[in-house]
Amino acid sequence: MSDVNLRRQFVDNYRLTTAEIVYHLPDYPELLQSYIWQEYDIAPRFPELNKFLDFWSHNLDGKLHSIYVASQKLILPRETKIYAQEFTLQ
């Protein structure tokens, strides 16, 4: 993780934000496609996500259907378990 992203989380109150963007395919509007977007953003206004969605609606052909957003305040290391045995497969 870069120092900039760590600073954003601790000082600037940024959160890792993931959005699933569901949109209509331009050539087949009855079909839906999904796109996953992930970036550090500030909840609950999500200015980075709104900027991206504004770009999408003005520059891309796929009409937006729905957006699902998940946000986590601080990324923590996963819990690990250390085992005292080692096995080798041959």
PDB file of N, CA and C in Angstrom:
ATOM      1  N   MET A   1       0.853  -1.169   0.000  1.00  0.00           N
ATOM      2  CA  MET A   1       0.000   0.000   0.000  1.00  0.00           C
ATOM      3  C   MET A   1       0.896   1.228   0.000  1.00  0.00           C
ATOM      4  N   SER A   2       0.583   2.191  -0.814  1.00  0.00           N
ATOM      5  CA  SER A   2       1.420   3.384  -0.895  1.00  0.00           C
ATOM      6  C   SER A   2       1.158   4.300   0.297  1.00  0.00           C
ATOM      7  N   ASP A   3       2.122   5.160   0.581  1.00  0.00           N
ATOM      8  CA  ASP A   3       1.990   6.108   1.679  1.00  0.00           C
ATOM      9  C   ASP A   3       0.822   7.059   1.472  1.00  0.00           C
ATOM     10  N   VAL A   4       0.560   7.407   0.225  1.00  0.00           N
ATOM     11  CA  VAL A   4      -0.535   8.328  -0.082  1.00  0.00           C
ATOM     12  C   VAL A   4      -1.867   7.698   0.310  1.00  0.00           C
ATOM     13  N   ASN A   5      -2.073   6.435  -0.053  1.00  0.00           N
ATOM     14  CA  ASN A   5      -3.323   5.766   0.289  1.00  0.00           C
ATOM     15  C   ASN A   5      -3.473   5.577   1.792  1.00  0.00           C
ATOM     16  N   LEU A   6      -2.380   5.282   2.478  1.00  0.00           N
ATOM     17  CA  LEU A   6      -2.425   5.125   3.926  1.00  0.00           C
ATOM     18  C   LEU A   6      -2.759   6.456   4.589  1.00  0.00           C
ATOM     19  N   ARG A   7      -2.155   7.527   4.107  1.00  0.00           N
ATOM     20  CA  ARG A   7      -2.465   8.857   4.648  1.00  0.00           C
ATOM     21  C   ARG A   7      -3.922   9.209   4.411  1.00  0.00           C
ATOM     22  N   ARG A   8      -4.422   8.897   3.244  1.00  0.00           N
ATOM     23  CA  ARG A   8      -5.823   9.181   2.934  1.00  0.00           C
ATOM     24  C   ARG A   8      -6.749   8.479   3.922  1.00  0.00           C
ATOM     25  N   GLN A   9      -6.421   7.242   4.292  1.00  0.00           N
ATOM     26  CA  GLN A   9      -7.278   6.487   5.207  1.00  0.00           C
ATOM     27  C   GLN A   9      -7.233   7.054   6.623  1.00  0.00           C
ATOM     28  N   PHE A  10      -6.030   7.360   7.124  1.00  0.00           N
ATOM     29  CA  PHE A  10      -5.892   7.788   8.508  1.00  0.00           C
ATOM     30  C   PHE A  10      -6.223   9.257   8.718  1.00  0.00           C
ATOM     31  N   VAL A  11      -5.773  10.114   7.819  1.00  0.00           N
ATOM     32  CA  VAL A  11      -5.894  11.553   8.032  1.00  0.00           C
ATOM     33  C   VAL A  11      -7.100  12.144   7.310  1.00  0.00           C
ATOM     34  N   ASP A  12      -7.281  11.779   6.060  1.00  0.00           N
ATOM     35  CA  ASP A  12      -8.312  12.421   5.239  1.00  0.00           C
ATOM     36  C   ASP A  12      -9.654  11.695   5.263  1.00  0.00           C
ATOM     37  N   ASN A  13      -9.762  10.613   6.046  1.00  0.00           N
ATOM     38  CA  ASN A  13     -11.009   9.867   6.222  1.00  0.00           C
ATOM     39  C   ASN A  13     -11.519   9.214   4.933  1.00  0.00           C
ATOM     40  N   TYR A  14     -10.605   8.803   4.062  1.00  0.00           N
ATOM     41  CA  TYR A  14     -10.999   8.064   2.870  1.00  0.00           C
ATOM     42  C   TYR A  14     -11.264   6.611   3.237  1.00  0.00           C
ATOM     43  N   ARG A  15     -12.094   5.952   2.458  1.00  0.00           N
ATOM     44  CA  ARG A  15     -12.406   4.538   2.656  1.00  0.00           C
ATOM     45  C   ARG A  15     -12.254   3.807   1.331  1.00  0.00           C
ATOM     46  N   LEU A  16     -11.892   2.545   1.416  1.00  0.00           N
ATOM     47  CA  LEU A  16     -11.880   1.745   0.198  1.00  0.00           C
ATOM     48  C   LEU A  16     -13.335   1.524  -0.197  1.00  0.00           C
ATOM     49  N   THR A  17     -13.685   1.947  -1.388  1.00  0.00           N
ATOM     50  CA  THR A  17     -15.064   1.878  -1.857  1.00  0.00           C
ATOM     51  C   THR A  17     -15.118   1.015  -3.109  1.00  0.00           C
ATOM     52  N   THR A  18     -16.055   0.085  -3.121  1.00  0.00           N
ATOM     53  CA  THR A  18     -16.272  -0.783  -4.268  1.00  0.00           C
ATOM     54  C   THR A  18     -17.702  -0.578  -4.746  1.00  0.00           C
ATOM     55  N   ALA A  19     -17.852  -0.397  -6.044  1.00  0.00           N
ATOM     56  CA  ALA A  19     -19.183  -0.223  -6.614  1.00  0.00           C
ATOM     57  C   ALA A  19     -19.379  -1.218  -7.753  1.00  0.00           C
ATOM     58  N   GLU A  20     -20.510  -1.891  -7.731  1.00  0.00           N
ATOM     59  CA  GLU A  20     -20.902  -2.718  -8.870  1.00  0.00           C
ATOM     60  C   GLU A  20     -21.871  -1.883  -9.695  1.00  0.00           C
ATOM     61  N   ILE A  21     -21.462  -1.583 -10.904  1.00  0.00           N
ATOM     62  CA  ILE A  21     -22.263  -0.750 -11.802  1.00  0.00           C
ATOM     63  C   ILE A  21     -22.913  -1.674 -12.823  1.00  0.00           C
ATOM     64  N   VAL A  22     -24.234  -1.700 -12.812  1.00  0.00           N
ATOM     65  CA  VAL A  22     -24.986  -2.526 -13.751  1.00  0.00           C
ATOM     66  C   VAL A  22     -25.533  -1.595 -14.827  1.00  0.00           C
ATOM     67  N   TYR A  23     -25.278  -1.955 -16.089  1.00  0.00           N
ATOM     68  CA  TYR A  23     -25.674  -1.083 -17.190  1.00  0.00           C
ATOM     69  C   TYR A  23     -26.224  -1.905 -18.357  1.00  0.00           C
ATOM     70  N   HIS A  24     -26.956  -1.228 -19.233  1.00  0.00           N
ATOM     71  CA  HIS A  24     -27.518  -1.847 -20.432  1.00  0.00           C
ATOM     72  C   HIS A  24     -26.443  -1.886 -21.520  1.00  0.00           C
ATOM     73  N   LEU A  25     -26.327  -3.010 -22.199  1.00  0.00           N
ATOM     74  CA  LEU A  25     -25.396  -3.082 -23.326  1.00  0.00           C
ATOM     75  C   LEU A  25     -25.888  -2.159 -24.441  1.00  0.00           C
ATOM     76  N   PRO A  26     -25.001  -1.367 -25.036  1.00  0.00           N
ATOM     77  CA  PRO A  26     -25.430  -0.415 -26.058  1.00  0.00           C
ATOM     78  C   PRO A  26     -26.115  -1.067 -27.263  1.00  0.00           C
ATOM     79  N   ASP A  27     -25.591  -2.199 -27.754  1.00  0.00           N
ATOM     80  CA  ASP A  27     -26.169  -2.836 -28.936  1.00  0.00           C
ATOM     81  C   ASP A  27     -27.378  -3.711 -28.617  1.00  0.00           C
ATOM     82  N   TYR A  28     -27.488  -4.160 -27.375  1.00  0.00           N
ATOM     83  CA  TYR A  28     -28.592  -5.022 -26.938  1.00  0.00           C
ATOM     84  C   TYR A  28     -29.131  -4.481 -25.614  1.00  0.00           C
ATOM     85  N   PRO A  29     -29.926  -3.410 -25.638  1.00  0.00           N
ATOM     86  CA  PRO A  29     -30.342  -2.735 -24.415  1.00  0.00           C
ATOM     87  C   PRO A  29     -31.154  -3.604 -23.446  1.00  0.00           C
ATOM     88  N   GLU A  30     -31.691  -4.722 -23.928  1.00  0.00           N
ATOM     89  CA  GLU A  30     -32.443  -5.601 -23.023  1.00  0.00           C
ATOM     90  C   GLU A  30     -31.514  -6.467 -22.167  1.00  0.00           C
ATOM     91  N   LEU A  31     -30.220  -6.496 -22.500  1.00  0.00           N
ATOM     92  CA  LEU A  31     -29.241  -7.258 -21.723  1.00  0.00           C
ATOM     93  C   LEU A  31     -28.476  -6.337 -20.769  1.00  0.00           C
ATOM     94  N   LEU A  32     -28.168  -6.872 -19.586  1.00  0.00           N
ATOM     95  CA  LEU A  32     -27.421  -6.108 -18.593  1.00  0.00           C
ATOM     96  C   LEU A  32     -26.010  -6.667 -18.451  1.00  0.00           C
ATOM     97  N   GLN A  33     -25.087  -5.781 -18.178  1.00  0.00           N
ATOM     98  CA  GLN A  33     -23.687  -6.137 -17.944  1.00  0.00           C
ATOM     99  C   GLN A  33     -23.285  -5.486 -16.632  1.00  0.00           C
ATOM    100  N   SER A  34     -22.312  -6.071 -15.933  1.00  0.00           N
ATOM    101  CA  SER A  34     -21.867  -5.434 -14.699  1.00  0.00           C
ATOM    102  C   SER A  34     -20.393  -5.068 -14.795  1.00  0.00           C
ATOM    103  N   TYR A  35     -20.029  -3.989 -14.113  1.00  0.00           N
ATOM    104  CA  TYR A  35     -18.661  -3.475 -14.091  1.00  0.00           C
ATOM    105  C   TYR A  35     -18.320  -3.187 -12.625  1.00  0.00           C
ATOM    106  N   ILE A  36     -17.140  -3.619 -12.177  1.00  0.00           N
ATOM    107  CA  ILE A  36     -16.714  -3.374 -10.806  1.00  0.00           C
ATOM    108  C   ILE A  36     -15.723  -2.212 -10.792  1.00  0.00           C
ATOM    109  N   TRP A  37     -16.016  -1.209  -9.981  1.00  0.00           N
ATOM    110  CA  TRP A  37     -15.166  -0.025  -9.818  1.00  0.00           C
ATOM    111  C   TRP A  37     -14.675  -0.005  -8.374  1.00  0.00           C
ATOM    112  N   GLN A  38     -13.389   0.281  -8.155  1.00  0.00           N
ATOM    113  CA  GLN A  38     -12.853   0.331  -6.798  1.00  0.00           C
ATOM    114  C   GLN A  38     -11.852   1.476  -6.697  1.00  0.00           C
ATOM    115  N   GLU A  39     -12.010   2.270  -5.642  1.00  0.00           N
ATOM    116  CA  GLU A  39     -11.150   3.436  -5.444  1.00  0.00           C
ATOM    117  C   GLU A  39     -11.306   3.886  -3.993  1.00  0.00           C
ATOM    118  N   TYR A  40     -10.361   4.696  -3.507  1.00  0.00           N
ATOM    119  CA  TYR A  40     -10.523   5.312  -2.199  1.00  0.00           C
ATOM    120  C   TYR A  40     -11.427   6.521  -2.355  1.00  0.00           C
ATOM    121  N   ASP A  41     -12.425   6.630  -1.459  1.00  0.00           N
ATOM    122  CA  ASP A  41     -13.420   7.683  -1.575  1.00  0.00           C
ATOM    123  C   ASP A  41     -13.904   8.073  -0.184  1.00  0.00           C
ATOM    124  N   ILE A  42     -14.629   9.171  -0.085  1.00  0.00           N
ATOM    125  CA  ILE A  42     -15.132   9.665   1.193  1.00  0.00           C
ATOM    126  C   ILE A  42     -16.631   9.384   1.283  1.00  0.00           C
ATOM    127  N   ALA A  43     -17.020   8.575   2.284  1.00  0.00           N
ATOM    128  CA  ALA A  43     -18.437   8.284   2.512  1.00  0.00           C
ATOM    129  C   ALA A  43     -19.032   9.417   3.340  1.00  0.00           C
ATOM    130  N   PRO A  44     -20.283   9.740   3.242  1.00  0.00           N
ATOM    131  CA  PRO A  44     -21.331   9.126   2.433  1.00  0.00           C
ATOM    132  C   PRO A  44     -21.565   9.831   1.097  1.00  0.00           C
ATOM    133  N   ARG A  45     -20.812  10.885   0.792  1.00  0.00           N
ATOM    134  CA  ARG A  45     -21.048  11.629  -0.455  1.00  0.00           C
ATOM    135  C   ARG A  45     -20.394  10.985  -1.673  1.00  0.00           C
ATOM    136  N   PHE A  46     -19.301  10.257  -1.488  1.00  0.00           N
ATOM    137  CA  PHE A  46     -18.593   9.552  -2.554  1.00  0.00           C
ATOM    138  C   PHE A  46     -18.288  10.443  -3.762  1.00  0.00           C
ATOM    139  N   PRO A  47     -17.472  11.494  -3.587  1.00  0.00           N
ATOM    140  CA  PRO A  47     -17.187  12.402  -4.705  1.00  0.00           C
ATOM    141  C   PRO A  47     -16.446  11.736  -5.865  1.00  0.00           C
ATOM    142  N   GLU A  48     -15.536  10.806  -5.584  1.00  0.00           N
ATOM    143  CA  GLU A  48     -14.811  10.119  -6.660  1.00  0.00           C
ATOM    144  C   GLU A  48     -15.753   9.250  -7.483  1.00  0.00           C
ATOM    145  N   LEU A  49     -16.629   8.527  -6.817  1.00  0.00           N
ATOM    146  CA  LEU A  49     -17.603   7.684  -7.523  1.00  0.00           C
ATOM    147  C   LEU A  49     -18.551   8.544  -8.347  1.00  0.00           C
ATOM    148  N   ASN A  50     -19.011   9.651  -7.786  1.00  0.00           N
ATOM    149  CA  ASN A  50     -19.902  10.543  -8.534  1.00  0.00           C
ATOM    150  C   ASN A  50     -19.210  11.140  -9.754  1.00  0.00           C
ATOM    151  N   LYS A  51     -17.934  11.458  -9.616  1.00  0.00           N
ATOM    152  CA  LYS A  51     -17.177  11.973 -10.759  1.00  0.00           C
ATOM    153  C   LYS A  51     -17.088  10.910 -11.857  1.00  0.00           C
ATOM    154  N   PHE A  52     -16.826   9.652 -11.448  1.00  0.00           N
ATOM    155  CA  PHE A  52     -16.749   8.561 -12.414  1.00  0.00           C
ATOM    156  C   PHE A  52     -18.102   8.323 -13.083  1.00  0.00           C
ATOM    157  N   LEU A  53     -19.184   8.339 -12.321  1.00  0.00           N
ATOM    158  CA  LEU A  53     -20.520   8.126 -12.896  1.00  0.00           C
ATOM    159  C   LEU A  53     -20.925   9.272 -13.819  1.00  0.00           C
ATOM    160  N   ASP A  54     -20.496  10.478 -13.490  1.00  0.00           N
ATOM    161  CA  ASP A  54     -20.758  11.616 -14.381  1.00  0.00           C
ATOM    162  C   ASP A  54     -20.019  11.430 -15.702  1.00  0.00           C
ATOM    163  N   PHE A  55     -18.748  10.998 -15.626  1.00  0.00           N
ATOM    164  CA  PHE A  55     -17.978  10.697 -16.841  1.00  0.00           C
ATOM    165  C   PHE A  55     -18.685   9.609 -17.651  1.00  0.00           C
ATOM    166  N   TRP A  56     -19.139   8.547 -16.963  1.00  0.00           N
ATOM    167  CA  TRP A  56     -19.819   7.430 -17.634  1.00  0.00           C
ATOM    168  C   TRP A  56     -21.043   7.929 -18.395  1.00  0.00           C
ATOM    169  N   SER A  57     -21.894   8.682 -17.712  1.00  0.00           N
ATOM    170  CA  SER A  57     -23.151   9.092 -18.345  1.00  0.00           C
ATOM    171  C   SER A  57     -22.943  10.052 -19.521  1.00  0.00           C
ATOM    172  N   HIS A  58     -21.828  10.804 -19.526  1.00  0.00           N
ATOM    173  CA  HIS A  58     -21.583  11.748 -20.618  1.00  0.00           C
ATOM    174  C   HIS A  58     -20.735  11.188 -21.755  1.00  0.00           C
ATOM    175  N   ASN A  59     -19.943  10.136 -21.500  1.00  0.00           N
ATOM    176  CA  ASN A  59     -18.990   9.677 -22.510  1.00  0.00           C
ATOM    177  C   ASN A  59     -19.157   8.228 -22.968  1.00  0.00           C
ATOM    178  N   LEU A  60     -19.895   7.430 -22.248  1.00  0.00           N
ATOM    179  CA  LEU A  60     -20.058   6.027 -22.631  1.00  0.00           C
ATOM    180  C   LEU A  60     -21.493   5.762 -23.074  1.00  0.00           C
ATOM    181  N   ASP A  61     -21.658   4.760 -23.919  1.00  0.00           N
ATOM    182  CA  ASP A  61     -22.973   4.486 -24.500  1.00  0.00           C
ATOM    183  C   ASP A  61     -23.889   3.660 -23.609  1.00  0.00           C
ATOM    184  N   GLY A  62     -23.340   2.858 -22.699  1.00  0.00           N
ATOM    185  CA  GLY A  62     -24.174   1.981 -21.878  1.00  0.00           C
ATOM    186  C   GLY A  62     -24.968   2.763 -20.844  1.00  0.00           C
ATOM    187  N   LYS A  63     -26.305   2.729 -20.953  1.00  0.00           N
ATOM    188  CA  LYS A  63     -27.177   3.437 -20.018  1.00  0.00           C
ATOM    189  C   LYS A  63     -27.133   2.735 -18.658  1.00  0.00           C
ATOM    190  N   LEU A  64     -26.955   3.518 -17.588  1.00  0.00           N
ATOM    191  CA  LEU A  64     -26.872   2.955 -16.247  1.00  0.00           C
ATOM    192  C   LEU A  64     -28.205   2.362 -15.814  1.00  0.00           C
ATOM    193  N   HIS A  65     -28.133   1.198 -15.175  1.00  0.00           N
ATOM    194  CA  HIS A  65     -29.323   0.539 -14.654  1.00  0.00           C
ATOM    195  C   HIS A  65     -29.379   0.665 -13.136  1.00  0.00           C
ATOM    196  N   SER A  66     -28.308   0.240 -12.443  1.00  0.00           N
ATOM    197  CA  SER A  66     -28.256   0.316 -10.991  1.00  0.00           C
ATOM    198  C   SER A  66     -26.806   0.309 -10.523  1.00  0.00           C
ATOM    199  N   ILE A  67     -26.606   0.770  -9.282  1.00  0.00           N
ATOM    200  CA  ILE A  67     -25.275   0.834  -8.700  1.00  0.00           C
ATOM    201  C   ILE A  67     -25.368   0.343  -7.262  1.00  0.00           C
ATOM    202  N   TYR A  68     -24.510  -0.611  -6.925  1.00  0.00           N
ATOM    203  CA  TYR A  68     -24.432  -1.147  -5.567  1.00  0.00           C
ATOM    204  C   TYR A  68     -23.085  -0.742  -4.997  1.00  0.00           C
ATOM    205  N   VAL A  69     -23.093  -0.134  -3.800  1.00  0.00           N
ATOM    206  CA  VAL A  69     -21.867   0.418  -3.214  1.00  0.00           C
ATOM    207  C   VAL A  69     -21.570  -0.253  -1.878  1.00  0.00           C
ATOM    208  N   ALA A  70     -20.294  -0.615  -1.682  1.00  0.00           N
ATOM    209  CA  ALA A  70     -19.813  -1.119  -0.394  1.00  0.00           C
ATOM    210  C   ALA A  70     -18.591  -0.295  -0.021  1.00  0.00           C
ATOM    211  N   SER A  71     -18.447  -0.009   1.279  1.00  0.00           N
ATOM    212  CA  SER A  71     -17.345   0.836   1.719  1.00  0.00           C
ATOM    213  C   SER A  71     -16.822   0.311   3.046  1.00  0.00           C
ATOM    214  N   GLN A  72     -15.500   0.314   3.195  1.00  0.00           N
ATOM    215  CA  GLN A  72     -14.853  -0.149   4.423  1.00  0.00           C
ATOM    216  C   GLN A  72     -13.953   0.965   4.934  1.00  0.00           C
ATOM    217  N   LYS A  73     -14.121   1.348   6.204  1.00  0.00           N
ATOM    218  CA  LYS A  73     -13.385   2.498   6.737  1.00  0.00           C
ATOM    219  C   LYS A  73     -11.875   2.307   6.736  1.00  0.00           C
ATOM    220  N   LEU A  74     -11.369   1.191   7.244  1.00  0.00           N
ATOM    221  CA  LEU A  74      -9.929   0.990   7.307  1.00  0.00           C
ATOM    222  C   LEU A  74      -9.611  -0.432   6.895  1.00  0.00           C
ATOM    223  N   ILE A  75      -8.642  -0.580   6.028  1.00  0.00           N
ATOM    224  CA  ILE A  75      -8.228  -1.905   5.585  1.00  0.00           C
ATOM    225  C   ILE A  75      -7.300  -2.487   6.640  1.00  0.00           C
ATOM    226  N   LEU A  76      -7.683  -3.613   7.192  1.00  0.00           N
ATOM    227  CA  LEU A  76      -6.895  -4.262   8.232  1.00  0.00           C
ATOM    228  C   LEU A  76      -6.282  -5.546   7.687  1.00  0.00           C
ATOM    229  N   PRO A  77      -5.151  -5.962   8.259  1.00  0.00           N
ATOM    230  CA  PRO A  77      -4.571  -7.224   7.803  1.00  0.00           C
ATOM    231  C   PRO A  77      -5.479  -8.387   8.171  1.00  0.00           C
ATOM    232  N   ARG A  78      -5.478  -9.386   7.325  1.00  0.00           N
ATOM    233  CA  ARG A  78      -6.291 -10.575   7.597  1.00  0.00           C
ATOM    234  C   ARG A  78      -5.719 -11.323   8.781  1.00  0.00           C
ATOM    235  N   GLU A  79      -6.599 -12.002   9.475  1.00  0.00           N
ATOM    236  CA  GLU A  79      -6.156 -12.818  10.600  1.00  0.00           C
ATOM    237  C   GLU A  79      -5.396 -14.026  10.062  1.00  0.00           C
ATOM    238  N   THR A  80      -4.232 -14.281  10.622  1.00  0.00           N
ATOM    239  CA  THR A  80      -3.425 -15.403  10.160  1.00  0.00           C
ATOM    240  C   THR A  80      -3.234 -16.400  11.299  1.00  0.00           C
ATOM    241  N   LYS A  81      -3.057 -17.634  10.919  1.00  0.00           N
ATOM    242  CA  LYS A  81      -2.783 -18.685  11.881  1.00  0.00           C
ATOM    243  C   LYS A  81      -1.458 -19.331  11.499  1.00  0.00           C
ATOM    244  N   ILE A  82      -0.594 -19.526  12.469  1.00  0.00           N
ATOM    245  CA  ILE A  82       0.709 -20.126  12.216  1.00  0.00           C
ATOM    246  C   ILE A  82       0.680 -21.558  12.741  1.00  0.00           C
ATOM    247  N   TYR A  83       1.070 -22.461  11.892  1.00  0.00           N
ATOM    248  CA  TYR A  83       1.102 -23.871  12.264  1.00  0.00           C
ATOM    249  C   TYR A  83       2.547 -24.305  12.443  1.00  0.00           C
ATOM    250  N   ALA A  84       2.768 -25.216  13.392  1.00  0.00           N
ATOM    251  CA  ALA A  84       4.125 -25.655  13.720  1.00  0.00           C
ATOM    252  C   ALA A  84       4.571 -26.857  12.893  1.00  0.00           C
ATOM    253  N   GLN A  85       3.795 -27.268  11.924  1.00  0.00           N
ATOM    254  CA  GLN A  85       4.156 -28.433  11.129  1.00  0.00           C
ATOM    255  C   GLN A  85       4.261 -28.053   9.656  1.00  0.00           C
ATOM    256  N   GLU A  86       5.095 -28.789   8.966  1.00  0.00           N
ATOM    257  CA  GLU A  86       5.258 -28.580   7.540  1.00  0.00           C
ATOM    258  C   GLU A  86       5.131 -29.929   6.841  1.00  0.00           C
ATOM    259  N   PHE A  87       4.357 -29.970   5.785  1.00  0.00           N
ATOM    260  CA  PHE A  87       4.138 -31.207   5.043  1.00  0.00           C
ATOM    261  C   PHE A  87       4.667 -31.030   3.622  1.00  0.00           C
ATOM    262  N   THR A  88       5.266 -32.061   3.111  1.00  0.00           N
ATOM    263  CA  THR A  88       5.786 -32.051   1.736  1.00  0.00           C
ATOM    264  C   THR A  88       5.096 -33.146   0.949  1.00  0.00           C
ATOM    265  N   LEU A  89       4.520 -32.783  -0.181  1.00  0.00           N
ATOM    266  CA  LEU A  89       3.888 -33.772  -1.079  1.00  0.00           C
ATOM    267  C   LEU A  89       4.863 -34.151  -2.179  1.00  0.00           C
ATOM    268  N   GLN A  90       4.950 -35.444  -2.430  1.00  0.00           N
ATOM    269  CA  GLN A  90       5.855 -35.895  -3.494  1.00  0.00           C
ATOM    270  C   GLN A  90       5.104 -36.705  -4.513  1.00  0.00           C
TER     271      GLN A  90
END
